[in-house]
C-alpha atoms as a PDB file:
ATOM      1  CA  MET A   1       0.000   0.000   0.000  1.00  0.00           C
ATOM      2  CA  VAL A   2       2.938   2.364   0.640  1.00  0.00           C
ATOM      3  CA  LEU A   3       4.365   1.960  -2.874  1.00  0.00           C
ATOM      4  CA  GLU A   4       0.885   2.117  -4.397  1.00  0.00           C
ATOM      5  CA  SER A   5       0.229   5.555  -2.915  1.00  0.00           C
ATOM      6  CA  LEU A   6       3.490   7.132  -4.060  1.00  0.00           C
ATOM      7  CA  ILE A   7       2.459   8.263  -7.540  1.00  0.00           C
ATOM      8  CA  GLY A   8      -0.414   8.144 -10.044  1.00  0.00           C
ATOM      9  CA  PRO A   9      -0.640   8.854 -13.790  1.00  0.00           C
ATOM     10  CA  VAL A  10      -1.520  12.552 -13.434  1.00  0.00           C
ATOM     11  CA  LYS A  11       1.426  13.203 -11.113  1.00  0.00           C
ATOM     12  CA  ALA A  12       3.657  11.000 -13.276  1.00  0.00           C
ATOM     13  CA  GLU A  13       2.918  13.070 -16.394  1.00  0.00           C
ATOM     14  CA  LYS A  14       4.065  16.187 -14.553  1.00  0.00           C
ATOM     15  CA  ASN A  15       7.167  14.558 -13.050  1.00  0.00           C
ATOM     16  CA  LYS A  16       8.294  12.139 -15.758  1.00  0.00           C
ATOM     17  CA  LYS A  17      11.985  12.098 -14.874  1.00  0.00           C
ATOM     18  CA  TRP A  18      11.217  11.114 -11.297  1.00  0.00           C
ATOM     19  CA  LEU A  19       9.876   7.838 -12.651  1.00  0.00           C
ATOM     20  CA  PHE A  20      13.487   6.827 -13.282  1.00  0.00           C
ATOM     21  CA  VAL A  21      14.088   7.026  -9.528  1.00  0.00           C
ATOM     22  CA  TYR A  22      10.872   5.121  -8.793  1.00  0.00           C
ATOM     23  CA  GLY A  23      11.878   2.393 -11.236  1.00  0.00           C
ATOM     24  CA  LEU A  24      15.323   2.120  -9.677  1.00  0.00           C
ATOM     25  CA  VAL A  25      13.865   1.912  -6.156  1.00  0.00           C
ATOM     26  CA  TYR A  26      11.231  -0.659  -7.175  1.00  0.00           C
ATOM     27  CA  ALA A  27      13.895  -2.918  -8.717  1.00  0.00           C
ATOM     28  CA  VAL A  28      16.292  -2.631  -5.773  1.00  0.00           C
ATOM     29  CA  ILE A  29      13.540  -3.412  -3.262  1.00  0.00           C
ATOM     30  CA  GLY A  30      12.483  -6.366  -5.408  1.00  0.00           C
ATOM     31  CA  VAL A  31      16.027  -7.776  -5.429  1.00  0.00           C
ATOM     32  CA  VAL A  32      16.548  -7.275  -1.677  1.00  0.00           C
ATOM     33  CA  MET A  33      13.233  -8.917  -0.797  1.00  0.00           C
ATOM     34  CA  ALA A  34      13.833 -11.798  -3.231  1.00  0.00           C
ATOM     35  CA  LEU A  35      17.263 -12.533  -1.751  1.00  0.00           C
ATOM     36  CA  TRP A  36      15.913 -12.246   1.776  1.00  0.00           C
ATOM     37  CA  VAL A  37      12.818 -14.423   1.448  1.00  0.00           C
ATOM     38  CA  PHE A  38      13.153 -16.508  -1.762  1.00  0.00           C
ATOM     39  CA  ARG A  39      16.917 -16.753  -2.253  1.00  0.00           C
ATOM     40  CA  SER A  40      16.883 -20.030  -4.227  1.00  0.00           C
ATOM     41  CA  GLN A  41      14.346 -18.645  -6.739  1.00  0.00           C
ATOM     42  CA  ALA A  42      15.482 -15.027  -6.631  1.00  0.00           C
ATOM     43  CA  SER A  43      16.100 -14.634 -10.385  1.00  0.00           C
ATOM     44  CA  MET A  44      12.363 -14.833 -11.110  1.00  0.00           C
ATOM     45  CA  VAL A  45      10.979 -13.618  -7.792  1.00  0.00           C
ATOM     46  CA  MET A  46      12.858 -10.310  -8.026  1.00  0.00           C
ATOM     47  CA  VAL A  47      11.063  -9.625 -11.316  1.00  0.00           C
ATOM     48  CA  PHE A  48       7.664 -10.469  -9.812  1.00  0.00           C
ATOM     49  CA  LEU A  49       8.284  -8.207  -6.821  1.00  0.00           C
ATOM     50  CA  THR A  50       9.377  -5.361  -9.087  1.00  0.00           C
ATOM     51  CA  VAL A  51       6.172  -5.826 -11.096  1.00  0.00           C
ATOM     52  CA  ILE A  52       4.045  -5.850  -7.936  1.00  0.00           C
ATOM     53  CA  ALA A  53       5.565  -2.526  -6.876  1.00  0.00           C
ATOM     54  CA  ALA A  54       5.002  -0.903 -10.299  1.00  0.00           C
ATOM     55  CA  PHE A  55       1.641  -2.577 -11.005  1.00  0.00           C
ATOM     56  CA  PRO A  56      -0.642   0.064  -9.403  1.00  0.00           C
ATOM     57  CA  LEU A  57       0.814   2.880 -11.512  1.00  0.00           C
ATOM     58  CA  PHE A  58       0.656   0.841 -14.714  1.00  0.00           C
ATOM     59  CA  TYR A  59      -2.950  -0.235 -14.122  1.00  0.00           C
ATOM     60  CA  LYS A  60      -4.037   3.301 -13.226  1.00  0.00           C
ATOM     61  CA  THR A  61      -2.310   4.461 -16.406  1.00  0.00           C
ATOM     62  CA  LEU A  62      -4.370   2.018 -18.496  1.00  0.00           C
ATOM     63  CA  ARG A  63      -7.600   3.318 -16.978  1.00  0.00           C
ATOM     64  CA  TYR A  64      -6.490   6.938 -17.360  1.00  0.00           C
ATOM     65  CA  GLU A  65      -5.553   6.451 -21.028  1.00  0.00           C
ATOM     66  CA  GLU A  66      -8.832   4.640 -21.713  1.00  0.00           C
ATOM     67  CA  LYS A  67     -10.715   7.676 -20.383  1.00  0.00           C
ATOM     68  CA  LYS A  68      -8.863   9.863 -22.892  1.00  0.00           C
ATOM     69  CA  ASP A  69     -10.330   7.705 -25.684  1.00  0.00           C
ATOM     70  CA  LEU A  70     -13.850   8.542 -24.524  1.00  0.00           C
ATOM     71  CA  ARG A  71     -13.558  12.275 -25.049  1.00  0.00           C
ATOM     72  CA  LYS A  72     -15.603  13.580 -27.936  1.00  0.00           C
ATOM     73  CA  ASN A  73     -14.258  15.453 -30.948  1.00  0.00           C
ATOM     74  CA  ILE A  74     -10.652  14.336 -30.459  1.00  0.00           C
ATOM     75  CA  THR A  75      -8.646  13.254 -33.491  1.00  0.00           C
ATOM     76  CA  GLU A  76      -6.479  10.132 -33.623  1.00  0.00           C
ATOM     77  CA  SER A  77      -3.297  12.172 -34.057  1.00  0.00           C
ATOM     78  CA  VAL A  78      -4.019  14.201 -30.908  1.00  0.00           C
ATOM     79  CA  LEU A  79      -4.935  11.034 -29.030  1.00  0.00           C
ATOM     80  CA  ILE A  80      -1.713   9.286 -30.002  1.00  0.00           C
ATOM     81  CA  LYS A  81       0.223  12.360 -28.878  1.00  0.00           C
ATOM     82  CA  GLU A  82      -1.520  12.298 -25.501  1.00  0.00           C
ATOM     83  CA  HIS A  83      -0.785   8.585 -25.082  1.00  0.00           C
ATOM     84  CA  GLY A  84       2.818   9.584 -25.704  1.00  0.00           C
ATOM     85  CA  GLU A  85       2.894  11.352 -22.339  1.00  0.00           C
ATOM     86  CA  ALA A  86       2.219   8.047 -20.577  1.00  0.00           C
ATOM     87  CA  LEU A  87       4.769   6.249 -22.724  1.00  0.00           C
ATOM     88  CA  LYS A  88       7.439   8.778 -21.750  1.00  0.00           C
ATOM     89  CA  TYR A  89       7.153   8.280 -18.020  1.00  0.00           C
ATOM     90  CA  LEU A  90       6.842   4.504 -18.400  1.00  0.00           C
ATOM     91  CA  MET A  91      10.088   4.525 -20.387  1.00  0.00           C
ATOM     92  CA  PHE A  92      11.788   6.484 -17.596  1.00  0.00           C
ATOM     93  CA  MET A  93      10.595   3.857 -15.123  1.00  0.00           C
ATOM     94  CA  PHE A  94      11.930   1.071 -17.348  1.00  0.00           C
ATOM     95  CA  MET A  95      15.334   2.757 -17.528  1.00  0.00           C
ATOM     96  CA  GLY A  96      15.319   2.822 -13.739  1.00  0.00           C
ATOM     97  CA  PHE A  97      14.817  -0.954 -13.783  1.00  0.00           C
ATOM     98  CA  VAL A  98      17.703  -1.435 -16.231  1.00  0.00           C
ATOM     99  CA  VAL A  99      20.178   0.752 -14.347  1.00  0.00           C
ATOM    100  CA  ALA A 100      19.281  -0.875 -11.019  1.00  0.00           C
ATOM    101  CA  TYR A 101      19.728  -4.423 -12.341  1.00  0.00           C
ATOM    102  CA  THR A 102      22.993  -3.496 -14.059  1.00  0.00           C
ATOM    103  CA  LEU A 103      24.447  -1.879 -10.940  1.00  0.00           C
ATOM    104  CA  LEU A 104      23.400  -4.813  -8.769  1.00  0.00           C
ATOM    105  CA  PHE A 105      24.985  -7.224 -11.252  1.00  0.00           C
ATOM    106  CA  LEU A 106      28.264  -5.313 -10.857  1.00  0.00           C
ATOM    107  CA  VAL A 107      28.354  -4.627  -7.106  1.00  0.00           C
ATOM    108  CA  LEU A 108      27.103  -7.925  -5.701  1.00  0.00           C
ATOM    109  CA  PRO A 109      29.577 -10.793  -5.112  1.00  0.00           C
ATOM    110  CA  LYS A 110      30.129 -12.916  -8.219  1.00  0.00           C
ATOM    111  CA  ASP A 111      28.682 -16.129  -6.773  1.00  0.00           C
ATOM    112  CA  LEU A 112      25.571 -14.256  -5.637  1.00  0.00           C
ATOM    113  CA  THR A 113      25.251 -12.555  -9.028  1.00  0.00           C
ATOM    114  CA  GLN A 114      25.398 -15.894 -10.866  1.00  0.00           C
ATOM    115  CA  SER A 115      22.579 -17.195  -8.665  1.00  0.00           C
ATOM    116  CA  LEU A 116      20.499 -14.005  -8.725  1.00  0.00           C
ATOM    117  CA  PHE A 117      20.639 -13.669 -12.522  1.00  0.00           C
ATOM    118  CA  SER A 118      20.751 -17.382 -13.373  1.00  0.00           C
ATOM    119  CA  SER A 119      17.599 -17.391 -15.517  1.00  0.00           C
ATOM    120  CA  GLN A 120      18.625 -14.172 -17.253  1.00  0.00           C
ATOM    121  CA  LEU A 121      22.111 -15.479 -18.077  1.00  0.00           C
ATOM    122  CA  THR A 122      20.607 -18.678 -19.506  1.00  0.00           C
ATOM    123  CA  THR A 123      18.333 -16.557 -21.715  1.00  0.00           C
ATOM    124  CA  ILE A 124      21.292 -14.480 -22.941  1.00  0.00           C
ATOM    125  CA  GLU A 125      23.248 -17.628 -23.828  1.00  0.00           C
ATOM    126  CA  SER A 126      20.247 -18.965 -25.734  1.00  0.00           C
ATOM    127  CA  ILE A 127      19.861 -15.721 -27.718  1.00  0.00           C
ATOM    128  CA  ASN A 128      23.573 -15.621 -28.579  1.00  0.00           C
ATOM    129  CA  SER A 129      23.594 -19.266 -29.714  1.00  0.00           C
ATOM    130  CA  ASN A 130      20.690 -18.638 -32.097  1.00  0.00           C
ATOM    131  CA  ILE A 131      22.504 -15.793 -33.873  1.00  0.00           C
ATOM    132  CA  THR A 132      25.950 -16.795 -35.070  1.00  0.00           C
ATOM    133  CA  GLY A 133      28.578 -14.623 -36.704  1.00  0.00           C
ATOM    134  CA  ASN A 134      28.279 -16.582 -39.948  1.00  0.00           C
ATOM    135  CA  THR A 135      24.642 -15.739 -40.421  1.00  0.00           C
ATOM    136  CA  ALA A 136      23.817 -13.210 -43.154  1.00  0.00           C
ATOM    137  CA  SER A 137      22.721  -9.826 -41.821  1.00  0.00           C
ATOM    138  CA  LEU A 138      19.327 -10.065 -43.531  1.00  0.00           C
ATOM    139  CA  ASP A 139      18.724 -13.441 -41.894  1.00  0.00           C
ATOM    140  CA  ILE A 140      19.676 -11.971 -38.531  1.00  0.00           C
ATOM    141  CA  PHE A 141      17.296  -9.061 -39.156  1.00  0.00           C
ATOM    142  CA  PHE A 142      14.329 -11.380 -39.721  1.00  0.00           C
ATOM    143  CA  LYS A 143      15.294 -13.551 -36.734  1.00  0.00           C
ATOM    144  CA  VAL A 144      15.495 -10.502 -34.479  1.00  0.00           C
ATOM    145  CA  LEU A 145      12.232  -9.104 -35.858  1.00  0.00           C
ATOM    146  CA  ALA A 146      10.431 -12.446 -35.462  1.00  0.00           C
ATOM    147  CA  ASN A 147      11.577 -12.744 -31.850  1.00  0.00           C
ATOM    148  CA  ASN A 148      10.597  -9.153 -31.073  1.00  0.00           C
ATOM    149  CA  LEU A 149       7.181  -9.627 -32.680  1.00  0.00           C
ATOM    150  CA  ARG A 150       6.655 -12.659 -30.467  1.00  0.00           C
ATOM    151  CA  VAL A 151       7.445 -10.566 -27.382  1.00  0.00           C
ATOM    152  CA  MET A 152       5.147  -7.815 -28.645  1.00  0.00           C
ATOM    153  CA  PHE A 153       2.325 -10.347 -29.064  1.00  0.00           C
ATOM    154  CA  PHE A 154       2.838 -11.537 -25.487  1.00  0.00           C
ATOM    155  CA  CYS A 155       2.662  -7.923 -24.288  1.00  0.00           C
ATOM    156  CA  ILE A 156      -0.727  -7.491 -25.979  1.00  0.00           C
ATOM    157  CA  PHE A 157      -1.923 -10.905 -24.763  1.00  0.00           C
ATOM    158  CA  PHE A 158      -0.825 -10.372 -21.162  1.00  0.00           C
ATOM    159  CA  ALA A 159      -2.178  -6.816 -21.063  1.00  0.00           C
ATOM    160  CA  PHE A 160      -5.571  -7.920 -22.397  1.00  0.00           C
ATOM    161  CA  PHE A 161      -6.064 -10.957 -20.151  1.00  0.00           C
ATOM    162  CA  TYR A 162      -4.194  -9.761 -17.052  1.00  0.00           C
ATOM    163  CA  GLY A 163      -4.646  -5.988 -17.191  1.00  0.00           C
ATOM    164  CA  ALA A 164      -1.140  -4.763 -16.466  1.00  0.00           C
ATOM    165  CA  GLY A 165       0.354  -8.201 -17.086  1.00  0.00           C
ATOM    166  CA  ALA A 166       2.520  -6.825 -19.888  1.00  0.00           C
ATOM    167  CA  LEU A 167       4.561  -5.170 -17.154  1.00  0.00           C
ATOM    168  CA  PHE A 168       6.005  -8.575 -16.266  1.00  0.00           C
ATOM    169  CA  ILE A 169       7.336  -9.038 -19.820  1.00  0.00           C
ATOM    170  CA  LEU A 170       8.913  -5.596 -19.672  1.00  0.00           C
ATOM    171  CA  ALA A 171      10.438  -6.034 -16.206  1.00  0.00           C
ATOM    172  CA  TRP A 172      11.841  -9.404 -17.301  1.00  0.00           C
ATOM    173  CA  ASN A 173      13.430  -7.751 -20.352  1.00  0.00           C
ATOM    174  CA  ALA A 174      14.913  -5.088 -18.074  1.00  0.00           C
ATOM    175  CA  SER A 175      16.525  -7.789 -15.919  1.00  0.00           C
ATOM    176  CA  VAL A 176      17.951  -9.541 -19.010  1.00  0.00           C
ATOM    177  CA  ILE A 177      19.347  -6.252 -20.345  1.00  0.00           C
ATOM    178  CA  GLY A 178      20.779  -5.506 -16.890  1.00  0.00           C
ATOM    179  CA  ALA A 179      22.583  -8.860 -16.803  1.00  0.00           C
ATOM    180  CA  ALA A 180      23.869  -8.426 -20.365  1.00  0.00           C
ATOM    181  CA  ALA A 181      25.009  -4.859 -19.706  1.00  0.00           C
ATOM    182  CA  GLY A 182      26.701  -5.887 -16.455  1.00  0.00           C
ATOM    183  CA  GLY A 183      28.525  -8.714 -18.207  1.00  0.00           C
ATOM    184  CA  PHE A 184      29.654  -6.318 -20.926  1.00  0.00           C
ATOM    185  CA  VAL A 185      31.078  -3.915 -18.338  1.00  0.00           C
ATOM    186  CA  GLN A 186      33.030  -6.711 -16.649  1.00  0.00           C
ATOM    187  CA  SER A 187      34.473  -7.910 -19.948  1.00  0.00           C
ATOM    188  CA  LYS A 188      35.421  -4.435 -21.198  1.00  0.00           C
ATOM    189  CA  VAL A 189      36.487  -2.613 -18.026  1.00  0.00           C
ATOM    190  CA  SER A 190      40.182  -3.297 -18.699  1.00  0.00           C
ATOM    191  CA  GLU A 191      39.772  -1.936 -22.242  1.00  0.00           C
ATOM    192  CA  TYR A 192      37.987   1.252 -21.158  1.00  0.00           C
ATOM    193  CA  GLY A 193      40.107   1.761 -18.050  1.00  0.00           C
ATOM    194  CA  SER A 194      37.362   2.199 -15.439  1.00  0.00           C
ATOM    195  CA  TYR A 195      33.831   1.214 -14.517  1.00  0.00           C
ATOM    196  CA  LEU A 196      32.771   4.866 -14.761  1.00  0.00           C
ATOM    197  CA  LEU A 197      33.441   4.808 -18.502  1.00  0.00           C
ATOM    198  CA  ALA A 198      32.481   1.197 -19.231  1.00  0.00           C
ATOM    199  CA  PHE A 199      29.099   1.476 -17.477  1.00  0.00           C
ATOM    200  CA  PRO A 200      27.508   4.233 -19.632  1.00  0.00           C
ATOM    201  CA  ILE A 201      28.971   2.690 -22.795  1.00  0.00           C
ATOM    202  CA  SER A 202      27.384  -0.621 -21.840  1.00  0.00           C
ATOM    203  CA  ILE A 203      23.973   0.980 -21.286  1.00  0.00           C
ATOM    204  CA  MET A 204      24.280   2.784 -24.636  1.00  0.00           C
ATOM    205  CA  ARG A 205      25.242  -0.471 -26.380  1.00  0.00           C
ATOM    206  CA  TYR A 206      22.047  -2.227 -25.371  1.00  0.00           C
ATOM    207  CA  MET A 207      19.689   0.729 -25.354  1.00  0.00           C
ATOM    208  CA  THR A 208      20.677   2.153 -28.759  1.00  0.00           C
ATOM    209  CA  HIS A 209      18.205  -0.292 -30.260  1.00  0.00           C
ATOM    210  CA  GLY A 210      16.616  -1.418 -26.988  1.00  0.00           C
ATOM    211  CA  ILE A 211      14.950   1.944 -26.403  1.00  0.00           C
ATOM    212  CA  PHE A 212      12.881   1.435 -29.563  1.00  0.00           C
ATOM    213  CA  GLU A 213      12.090  -2.211 -28.760  1.00  0.00           C
ATOM    214  CA  ILE A 214      10.850  -1.362 -25.286  1.00  0.00           C
ATOM    215  CA  LEU A 215       8.882   1.608 -26.598  1.00  0.00           C
ATOM    216  CA  ALA A 216       7.132  -0.754 -29.041  1.00  0.00           C
ATOM    217  CA  TYR A 217       6.380  -3.197 -26.221  1.00  0.00           C
ATOM    218  CA  PHE A 218       4.950  -0.421 -24.050  1.00  0.00           C
ATOM    219  CA  ILE A 219       2.805   0.781 -26.965  1.00  0.00           C
ATOM    220  CA  ALA A 220       1.515  -2.776 -27.485  1.00  0.00           C
ATOM    221  CA  GLY A 221       0.900  -3.260 -23.773  1.00  0.00           C
ATOM    222  CA  LEU A 222      -0.949   0.043 -23.598  1.00  0.00           C
ATOM    223  CA  ALA A 223      -3.138  -0.950 -26.554  1.00  0.00           C
ATOM    224  CA  GLY A 224      -3.986  -4.358 -25.113  1.00  0.00           C
ATOM    225  CA  GLY A 225      -4.620  -2.904 -21.663  1.00  0.00           C
ATOM    226  CA  ILE A 226      -6.913  -0.163 -22.971  1.00  0.00           C
ATOM    227  CA  ILE A 227      -9.004  -2.791 -24.783  1.00  0.00           C
ATOM    228  CA  SER A 228      -9.114  -4.889 -21.608  1.00  0.00           C
ATOM    229  CA  VAL A 229     -10.406  -1.964 -19.543  1.00  0.00           C
ATOM    230  CA  ALA A 230     -12.911  -1.080 -22.276  1.00  0.00           C
ATOM    231  CA  VAL A 231     -14.319  -4.632 -22.384  1.00  0.00           C
ATOM    232  CA  ILE A 232     -15.015  -4.387 -18.650  1.00  0.00           C
ATOM    233  CA  ASN A 233     -16.504  -0.880 -18.704  1.00  0.00           C
ATOM    234  CA  HIS A 234     -18.441  -0.719 -21.993  1.00  0.00           C
ATOM    235  CA  LYS A 235     -20.729  -2.784 -24.164  1.00  0.00           C
ATOM    236  CA  THR A 236     -18.836  -4.177 -27.120  1.00  0.00           C
ATOM    237  CA  THR A 237     -21.511  -2.855 -29.487  1.00  0.00           C
ATOM    238  CA  SER A 238     -21.330   0.751 -28.268  1.00  0.00           C
ATOM    239  CA  GLU A 239     -19.802   3.605 -30.270  1.00  0.00           C
ATOM    240  CA  GLN A 240     -17.402   4.291 -27.400  1.00  0.00           C
ATOM    241  CA  PHE A 241     -16.025   0.768 -27.608  1.00  0.00           C
ATOM    242  CA  LYS A 242     -15.587   1.015 -31.384  1.00  0.00           C
ATOM    243  CA  HIS A 243     -13.649   4.248 -30.961  1.00  0.00           C
ATOM    244  CA  ILE A 244     -11.392   2.613 -28.363  1.00  0.00           C
ATOM    245  CA  ILE A 245     -10.755  -0.366 -30.676  1.00  0.00           C
ATOM    246  CA  ILE A 246      -9.743   1.960 -33.526  1.00  0.00           C
ATOM    247  CA  ASP A 247      -7.371   3.845 -31.239  1.00  0.00           C
ATOM    248  CA  SER A 248      -5.869   0.584 -29.943  1.00  0.00           C
ATOM    249  CA  LEU A 249      -5.349  -0.748 -33.468  1.00  0.00           C
ATOM    250  CA  ASP A 250      -3.576   2.479 -34.366  1.00  0.00           C
ATOM    251  CA  LEU A 251      -1.310   1.975 -31.353  1.00  0.00           C
ATOM    252  CA  MET A 252      -0.560  -1.615 -32.388  1.00  0.00           C
ATOM    253  CA  LEU A 253       0.301  -0.502 -35.915  1.00  0.00           C
ATOM    254  CA  LEU A 254       2.571   2.203 -34.506  1.00  0.00           C
ATOM    255  CA  GLY A 255       4.223  -0.370 -32.260  1.00  0.00           C
ATOM    256  CA  PHE A 256       4.825  -2.666 -35.235  1.00  0.00           C
ATOM    257  CA  VAL A 257       6.495   0.132 -37.217  1.00  0.00           C
ATOM    258  CA  VAL A 258       8.691   1.068 -34.244  1.00  0.00           C
ATOM    259  CA  LEU A 259       9.657  -2.607 -33.823  1.00  0.00           C
ATOM    260  CA  ILE A 260      10.778  -2.876 -37.457  1.00  0.00           C
ATOM    261  CA  PHE A 261      12.943   0.211 -36.957  1.00  0.00           C
ATOM    262  CA  ALA A 262      14.332  -1.278 -33.721  1.00  0.00           C
ATOM    263  CA  ALA A 263      15.361  -4.474 -35.520  1.00  0.00           C
ATOM    264  CA  PHE A 264      17.045  -2.422 -38.260  1.00  0.00           C
ATOM    265  CA  VAL A 265      19.006  -0.419 -35.688  1.00  0.00           C
ATOM    266  CA  GLU A 266      20.025  -3.563 -33.775  1.00  0.00           C
ATOM    267  CA  VAL A 267      21.319  -5.388 -36.861  1.00  0.00           C
ATOM    268  CA  TYR A 268      22.761  -2.574 -38.963  1.00  0.00           C
ATOM    269  CA  ILE A 269      23.483   0.415 -36.683  1.00  0.00           C
ATOM    270  CA  THR A 270      24.475  -0.830 -33.208  1.00  0.00           C
ATOM    271  CA  PRO A 271      27.334  -3.092 -34.513  1.00  0.00           C
ATOM    272  CA  ILE A 272      28.956  -0.056 -36.168  1.00  0.00           C
ATOM    273  CA  PHE A 273      29.527   1.601 -32.785  1.00  0.00           C
ATOM    274  CA  PHE A 274      29.852  -1.426 -30.528  1.00  0.00           C
END
């Protein structure tokens, strides 16, 4: 109840950058509680606890954005722009997750880190094994896009059936990025000379394309969640519901376009710099 009362969507829109701090705090508390109570299963439990902390804000955001759809005489372009305000502060919160997980990966003892991020490290190994250096760049592009589309579908699915369930997919991705970024820092710290330089470079390496992927996932989750709230609150034959469906489909299409761009950046742009 304490975390739930900290911030709502209206306050979040006015204090977007503070959501980075909230995200960082939520993730740290999740890790501490997971290690304290569920140490043997901490790699998954820390994600669940982070989601539980952030869930109230995300669910209130879905309801708040659904109400925007019900206003009369508002064009789709204006509506998409207004949804963008929610997407901004959610992205700040996600970055808080990523930075927290990365820092914890670096500062905790190595044996504890391997246990805490065991599931995430297994996922990273699986991703790397599926994309080899001998694979043509176009093949890699379609593999990356197919995987990202699958994640996007799960975001829509989870958001529709579980309300803010898409938040779990996003928090899980933040923990995987944190583990990958932390591993990158450890492997490159001798090359860059210090953690202070290697850390931001690591975050940039994964978020150059990751920022667009996560934005697409948030857009998809927002679309699925808005439909979920609308199904509960309105008759499916009403004009209000039809308007909400159109807006949600526009969001999904936007998310798909952003995801294609994210895959392009990951395959063709990120390797140039990193």
